[in-house]
């Protein structure tokens, strides 16, 4: 059985890794989610989350959104190109149902995959 685990190697961990994405990103987005994408030199697809308290006040809501994003990323991993990405949410994201978050992410993943093929 093949598992697409969300491992330490799949994450942006250091401020410099985040900074590389913020320098010259390609932007993809939906009404509540913005994804900044930057090519990387490694053979990894890496995800960073920047869910601001200013946008999503309650920790329980921030954590729910992060879980949805990580799970969607994990399921889409085999199709994504080798890129670093930082996902941010806009105000009101905490009002979305899990399914709505998933649908917005799927649209963004499709755009990213099309752009990099």
N, C-alpha and C. Protein backbone atom coordinates (compact mmCIF):
# COMPACT_ATOMS: atom_id res chain seq x y z
N UNK A 1 0.84 -1.19 0.00
CA UNK A 1 0.00 0.00 0.00
C UNK A 1 0.89 1.25 0.00
N UNK A 2 0.62 2.16 -0.90
CA UNK A 2 1.40 3.39 -0.98
C UNK A 2 0.72 4.46 -0.13
N UNK A 3 1.49 5.05 0.76
CA UNK A 3 0.92 6.14 1.55
C UNK A 3 1.68 7.41 1.20
N UNK A 4 0.95 8.47 1.00
CA UNK A 4 1.56 9.77 0.76
C UNK A 4 1.56 10.48 2.10
N UNK A 5 2.56 10.16 2.92
CA UNK A 5 2.59 10.72 4.25
C UNK A 5 3.04 12.16 4.22
N UNK A 6 2.51 12.92 5.16
CA UNK A 6 2.92 14.32 5.31
C UNK A 6 4.09 14.33 6.29
N UNK A 7 5.30 14.18 5.79
CA UNK A 7 6.48 14.03 6.64
C UNK A 7 7.15 15.37 6.88
N UNK A 8 8.18 15.33 7.69
CA UNK A 8 8.97 16.53 7.97
C UNK A 8 9.56 17.10 6.68
N UNK A 9 9.95 16.21 5.75
CA UNK A 9 10.52 16.65 4.48
C UNK A 9 9.49 17.36 3.60
N UNK A 10 8.22 17.18 3.88
CA UNK A 10 7.14 17.79 3.09
C UNK A 10 6.78 19.18 3.59
N UNK A 11 7.52 19.67 4.61
CA UNK A 11 7.14 20.94 5.22
C UNK A 11 8.24 21.98 5.04
N UNK A 12 7.82 23.22 4.94
CA UNK A 12 8.77 24.34 5.03
C UNK A 12 8.97 24.57 6.52
N UNK A 13 10.22 24.55 6.97
CA UNK A 13 10.46 24.61 8.41
C UNK A 13 11.14 25.89 8.88
N UNK A 14 12.05 26.41 8.08
CA UNK A 14 12.84 27.55 8.56
C UNK A 14 12.34 28.87 7.96
N UNK A 15 12.61 29.96 8.67
CA UNK A 15 12.22 31.27 8.11
C UNK A 15 12.81 31.51 6.72
N UNK A 16 14.04 31.03 6.48
CA UNK A 16 14.64 31.26 5.16
C UNK A 16 13.89 30.49 4.07
N UNK A 17 13.38 29.30 4.39
CA UNK A 17 12.59 28.55 3.41
C UNK A 17 11.31 29.32 3.07
N UNK A 18 10.66 29.89 4.08
CA UNK A 18 9.46 30.69 3.83
C UNK A 18 9.83 31.93 3.02
N UNK A 19 10.96 32.56 3.39
CA UNK A 19 11.40 33.79 2.71
C UNK A 19 11.61 33.55 1.23
N UNK A 20 12.17 32.39 0.86
CA UNK A 20 12.39 32.07 -0.55
C UNK A 20 11.09 32.07 -1.33
N UNK A 21 10.01 31.60 -0.70
CA UNK A 21 8.71 31.58 -1.38
C UNK A 21 8.15 32.99 -1.47
N UNK A 22 8.32 33.79 -0.41
CA UNK A 22 7.76 35.14 -0.40
C UNK A 22 8.48 36.09 -1.36
N UNK A 23 9.72 35.77 -1.74
CA UNK A 23 10.50 36.66 -2.61
C UNK A 23 9.84 36.89 -3.96
N UNK A 24 9.67 35.83 -4.74
CA UNK A 24 9.10 35.97 -6.09
C UNK A 24 8.10 34.85 -6.34
N UNK A 25 6.95 34.92 -5.70
CA UNK A 25 6.02 33.80 -5.84
C UNK A 25 5.12 33.93 -7.05
N UNK A 26 4.66 32.79 -7.53
CA UNK A 26 3.49 32.76 -8.41
C UNK A 26 2.31 32.69 -7.46
N UNK A 27 1.26 33.44 -7.75
CA UNK A 27 0.10 33.45 -6.85
C UNK A 27 -1.06 32.67 -7.46
N UNK A 28 -1.66 31.85 -6.65
CA UNK A 28 -2.89 31.16 -7.03
C UNK A 28 -3.87 31.41 -5.90
N UNK A 29 -5.14 31.52 -6.23
CA UNK A 29 -6.05 31.80 -5.12
C UNK A 29 -7.49 31.53 -5.43
N UNK A 30 -8.27 31.61 -4.37
CA UNK A 30 -9.72 31.50 -4.46
C UNK A 30 -10.28 32.60 -3.57
N UNK A 31 -11.56 32.53 -3.29
CA UNK A 31 -12.17 33.61 -2.52
C UNK A 31 -11.62 33.70 -1.09
N UNK A 32 -11.16 32.59 -0.52
CA UNK A 32 -10.69 32.62 0.87
C UNK A 32 -9.27 32.10 1.08
N UNK A 33 -8.64 31.59 0.01
CA UNK A 33 -7.32 30.98 0.16
C UNK A 33 -6.37 31.55 -0.88
N UNK A 34 -5.14 31.87 -0.45
CA UNK A 34 -4.10 32.31 -1.35
C UNK A 34 -2.93 31.34 -1.22
N UNK A 35 -2.42 30.89 -2.35
CA UNK A 35 -1.26 30.00 -2.35
C UNK A 35 -0.13 30.68 -3.10
N UNK A 36 0.99 30.84 -2.43
CA UNK A 36 2.19 31.39 -3.06
C UNK A 36 3.08 30.21 -3.42
N UNK A 37 3.52 30.16 -4.68
CA UNK A 37 4.29 29.02 -5.17
C UNK A 37 5.63 29.48 -5.69
N UNK A 38 6.66 28.70 -5.38
CA UNK A 38 8.00 29.00 -5.86
C UNK A 38 8.68 27.68 -6.21
N UNK A 39 9.38 27.61 -7.35
CA UNK A 39 10.08 26.36 -7.69
C UNK A 39 11.17 26.09 -6.65
N UNK A 40 11.47 24.83 -6.40
CA UNK A 40 12.58 24.53 -5.49
C UNK A 40 13.60 23.64 -6.17
N UNK A 41 14.76 23.56 -5.59
CA UNK A 41 15.86 22.81 -6.20
C UNK A 41 15.82 21.34 -5.80
N UNK A 42 15.07 21.02 -4.76
CA UNK A 42 15.05 19.64 -4.28
C UNK A 42 14.01 18.83 -5.07
N UNK A 43 13.95 17.56 -4.81
CA UNK A 43 12.94 16.73 -5.48
C UNK A 43 11.75 16.53 -4.54
N UNK A 44 11.48 17.54 -3.74
CA UNK A 44 10.37 17.48 -2.79
C UNK A 44 9.31 18.51 -3.16
N UNK A 45 8.09 18.20 -2.76
CA UNK A 45 7.02 19.18 -2.79
C UNK A 45 6.85 19.59 -1.33
N UNK A 46 6.98 20.89 -1.04
CA UNK A 46 6.94 21.29 0.36
C UNK A 46 5.85 22.33 0.60
N UNK A 47 5.23 22.22 1.77
CA UNK A 47 4.09 23.05 2.14
C UNK A 47 4.42 23.84 3.40
N UNK A 48 4.07 25.12 3.39
CA UNK A 48 4.16 25.95 4.58
C UNK A 48 2.80 26.58 4.82
N UNK A 49 2.42 26.71 6.08
CA UNK A 49 1.13 27.30 6.40
C UNK A 49 1.35 28.61 7.15
N UNK A 50 0.65 29.64 6.73
CA UNK A 50 0.70 30.93 7.42
C UNK A 50 -0.74 31.36 7.67
N UNK A 51 -1.32 30.80 8.71
CA UNK A 51 -2.71 31.08 9.05
C UNK A 51 -2.70 32.10 10.18
N UNK A 52 -2.96 33.36 9.85
CA UNK A 52 -2.79 34.46 10.81
C UNK A 52 -3.94 34.53 11.82
N UNK A 53 -3.58 34.82 13.07
CA UNK A 53 -4.60 35.03 14.12
C UNK A 53 -5.51 36.20 13.74
N UNK A 54 -4.93 37.16 13.02
CA UNK A 54 -5.70 38.32 12.60
C UNK A 54 -6.86 37.91 11.69
N UNK A 55 -6.64 36.88 10.86
CA UNK A 55 -7.66 36.43 9.92
C UNK A 55 -8.61 35.40 10.53
N UNK A 56 -8.07 34.50 11.34
CA UNK A 56 -8.88 33.44 11.96
C UNK A 56 -8.59 33.50 13.46
N UNK A 57 -9.52 34.07 14.19
CA UNK A 57 -9.29 34.39 15.61
C UNK A 57 -9.09 33.15 16.49
N UNK A 58 -9.97 32.17 16.38
CA UNK A 58 -9.95 31.05 17.31
C UNK A 58 -8.96 29.96 16.90
N UNK A 59 -8.16 29.51 17.86
CA UNK A 59 -7.16 28.47 17.59
C UNK A 59 -7.81 27.21 17.05
N UNK A 60 -8.97 26.87 17.58
CA UNK A 60 -9.63 25.65 17.12
C UNK A 60 -9.98 25.74 15.63
N UNK A 61 -10.36 26.94 15.18
CA UNK A 61 -10.67 27.13 13.75
C UNK A 61 -9.38 27.12 12.91
N UNK A 62 -8.32 27.77 13.41
CA UNK A 62 -7.04 27.75 12.67
C UNK A 62 -6.55 26.32 12.50
N UNK A 63 -6.65 25.54 13.57
CA UNK A 63 -6.18 24.16 13.51
C UNK A 63 -7.03 23.32 12.57
N UNK A 64 -8.33 23.55 12.56
CA UNK A 64 -9.22 22.82 11.64
C UNK A 64 -8.85 23.12 10.19
N UNK A 65 -8.61 24.40 9.89
CA UNK A 65 -8.24 24.80 8.53
C UNK A 65 -6.90 24.17 8.15
N UNK A 66 -5.93 24.20 9.07
CA UNK A 66 -4.63 23.59 8.79
C UNK A 66 -4.76 22.10 8.50
N UNK A 67 -5.59 21.41 9.28
CA UNK A 67 -5.79 19.97 9.05
C UNK A 67 -6.36 19.71 7.67
N UNK A 68 -7.34 20.52 7.26
CA UNK A 68 -7.95 20.36 5.94
C UNK A 68 -6.91 20.58 4.85
N UNK A 69 -6.09 21.62 5.02
CA UNK A 69 -5.08 21.94 4.01
C UNK A 69 -4.05 20.82 3.92
N UNK A 70 -3.55 20.36 5.07
CA UNK A 70 -2.54 19.30 5.06
C UNK A 70 -3.07 18.02 4.43
N UNK A 71 -4.30 17.66 4.75
CA UNK A 71 -4.89 16.44 4.20
C UNK A 71 -5.07 16.56 2.68
N UNK A 72 -5.56 17.71 2.22
CA UNK A 72 -5.74 17.93 0.80
C UNK A 72 -4.40 17.88 0.08
N UNK A 73 -3.38 18.51 0.66
CA UNK A 73 -2.03 18.50 0.10
C UNK A 73 -1.51 17.06 0.01
N UNK A 74 -1.70 16.29 1.07
CA UNK A 74 -1.21 14.91 1.12
C UNK A 74 -1.84 14.07 0.02
N UNK A 75 -3.14 14.26 -0.20
CA UNK A 75 -3.84 13.48 -1.22
C UNK A 75 -3.43 13.89 -2.64
N UNK A 76 -3.03 15.14 -2.81
CA UNK A 76 -2.68 15.66 -4.13
C UNK A 76 -1.19 15.52 -4.43
N UNK A 77 -0.42 15.17 -3.44
CA UNK A 77 1.04 15.11 -3.54
C UNK A 77 1.60 14.47 -4.81
N UNK A 78 1.12 13.28 -5.22
CA UNK A 78 1.74 12.64 -6.39
C UNK A 78 1.60 13.45 -7.68
N UNK A 79 0.58 14.29 -7.78
CA UNK A 79 0.34 15.03 -9.02
C UNK A 79 1.03 16.39 -9.06
N UNK A 80 1.44 16.88 -7.90
CA UNK A 80 2.04 18.22 -7.84
C UNK A 80 3.48 18.21 -8.35
N UNK A 81 3.91 19.33 -8.96
CA UNK A 81 5.31 19.46 -9.37
C UNK A 81 6.18 19.71 -8.13
N UNK A 82 7.50 19.67 -8.28
CA UNK A 82 8.40 19.95 -7.16
C UNK A 82 8.46 21.45 -6.92
N UNK A 83 7.69 21.89 -5.94
CA UNK A 83 7.58 23.31 -5.63
C UNK A 83 7.51 23.50 -4.12
N UNK A 84 7.82 24.70 -3.70
CA UNK A 84 7.56 25.12 -2.32
C UNK A 84 6.32 25.99 -2.38
N UNK A 85 5.44 25.84 -1.42
CA UNK A 85 4.26 26.70 -1.40
C UNK A 85 3.93 27.12 0.02
N UNK A 86 3.41 28.33 0.13
CA UNK A 86 2.92 28.83 1.40
C UNK A 86 1.44 29.14 1.20
N UNK A 87 0.63 28.61 2.09
CA UNK A 87 -0.82 28.83 2.00
C UNK A 87 -1.24 29.79 3.09
N UNK A 88 -1.97 30.82 2.67
CA UNK A 88 -2.52 31.80 3.60
C UNK A 88 -4.03 31.85 3.40
N UNK A 89 -4.74 32.24 4.44
CA UNK A 89 -6.20 32.36 4.29
C UNK A 89 -6.61 33.81 4.50
N UNK A 90 -7.75 34.14 3.89
CA UNK A 90 -8.28 35.49 4.03
C UNK A 90 -9.35 35.48 5.12
N UNK A 91 -9.74 36.66 5.56
CA UNK A 91 -10.78 36.76 6.58
C UNK A 91 -12.04 36.04 6.11
N UNK A 92 -12.70 35.38 7.02
CA UNK A 92 -13.92 34.67 6.68
C UNK A 92 -13.69 33.20 6.39
N UNK A 93 -12.44 32.78 6.30
CA UNK A 93 -12.15 31.36 6.02
C UNK A 93 -12.67 30.47 7.13
N UNK A 94 -12.73 31.01 8.35
CA UNK A 94 -13.21 30.21 9.47
C UNK A 94 -14.72 29.93 9.38
N UNK A 95 -15.40 30.65 8.51
CA UNK A 95 -16.85 30.42 8.33
C UNK A 95 -17.13 29.30 7.33
N UNK A 96 -16.10 28.86 6.59
CA UNK A 96 -16.29 27.83 5.57
C UNK A 96 -16.44 26.45 6.20
N UNK A 97 -17.26 25.64 5.56
CA UNK A 97 -17.35 24.23 5.96
C UNK A 97 -16.10 23.52 5.44
N UNK A 98 -15.77 22.37 6.02
CA UNK A 98 -14.60 21.60 5.58
C UNK A 98 -14.68 21.29 4.09
N UNK A 99 -15.86 20.92 3.62
CA UNK A 99 -16.04 20.56 2.21
C UNK A 99 -15.74 21.76 1.30
N UNK A 100 -16.14 22.96 1.73
CA UNK A 100 -15.88 24.16 0.92
C UNK A 100 -14.38 24.45 0.85
N UNK A 101 -13.69 24.25 1.97
CA UNK A 101 -12.23 24.44 1.98
C UNK A 101 -11.60 23.46 1.01
N UNK A 102 -12.04 22.20 1.07
CA UNK A 102 -11.49 21.16 0.20
C UNK A 102 -11.72 21.50 -1.28
N UNK A 103 -12.92 21.97 -1.61
CA UNK A 103 -13.24 22.29 -3.01
C UNK A 103 -12.37 23.45 -3.50
N UNK A 104 -12.19 24.48 -2.67
CA UNK A 104 -11.35 25.61 -3.09
C UNK A 104 -9.91 25.15 -3.30
N UNK A 105 -9.41 24.29 -2.41
CA UNK A 105 -8.04 23.78 -2.56
C UNK A 105 -7.90 22.95 -3.82
N UNK A 106 -8.89 22.10 -4.11
CA UNK A 106 -8.81 21.26 -5.31
C UNK A 106 -8.72 22.11 -6.58
N UNK A 107 -9.48 23.20 -6.63
CA UNK A 107 -9.41 24.10 -7.79
C UNK A 107 -8.01 24.70 -7.91
N UNK A 108 -7.45 25.11 -6.78
CA UNK A 108 -6.10 25.71 -6.78
C UNK A 108 -5.07 24.66 -7.20
N UNK A 109 -5.17 23.43 -6.68
CA UNK A 109 -4.22 22.38 -7.07
C UNK A 109 -4.27 22.17 -8.58
N UNK A 110 -5.48 22.13 -9.14
CA UNK A 110 -5.61 21.92 -10.58
C UNK A 110 -4.90 23.04 -11.36
N UNK A 111 -5.08 24.29 -10.93
CA UNK A 111 -4.42 25.42 -11.60
C UNK A 111 -2.90 25.28 -11.53
N UNK A 112 -2.39 24.91 -10.36
CA UNK A 112 -0.95 24.75 -10.17
C UNK A 112 -0.42 23.65 -11.08
N UNK A 113 -1.11 22.52 -11.11
CA UNK A 113 -0.67 21.38 -11.92
C UNK A 113 -0.69 21.75 -13.40
N UNK A 114 -1.75 22.44 -13.85
CA UNK A 114 -1.83 22.85 -15.26
C UNK A 114 -0.69 23.81 -15.60
N UNK A 115 -0.42 24.74 -14.71
CA UNK A 115 0.61 25.77 -14.94
C UNK A 115 2.00 25.15 -15.06
N UNK A 116 2.26 24.06 -14.34
CA UNK A 116 3.59 23.47 -14.30
C UNK A 116 3.74 22.26 -15.22
N UNK A 117 2.76 21.99 -16.07
CA UNK A 117 2.90 20.87 -17.01
C UNK A 117 3.29 21.37 -18.37
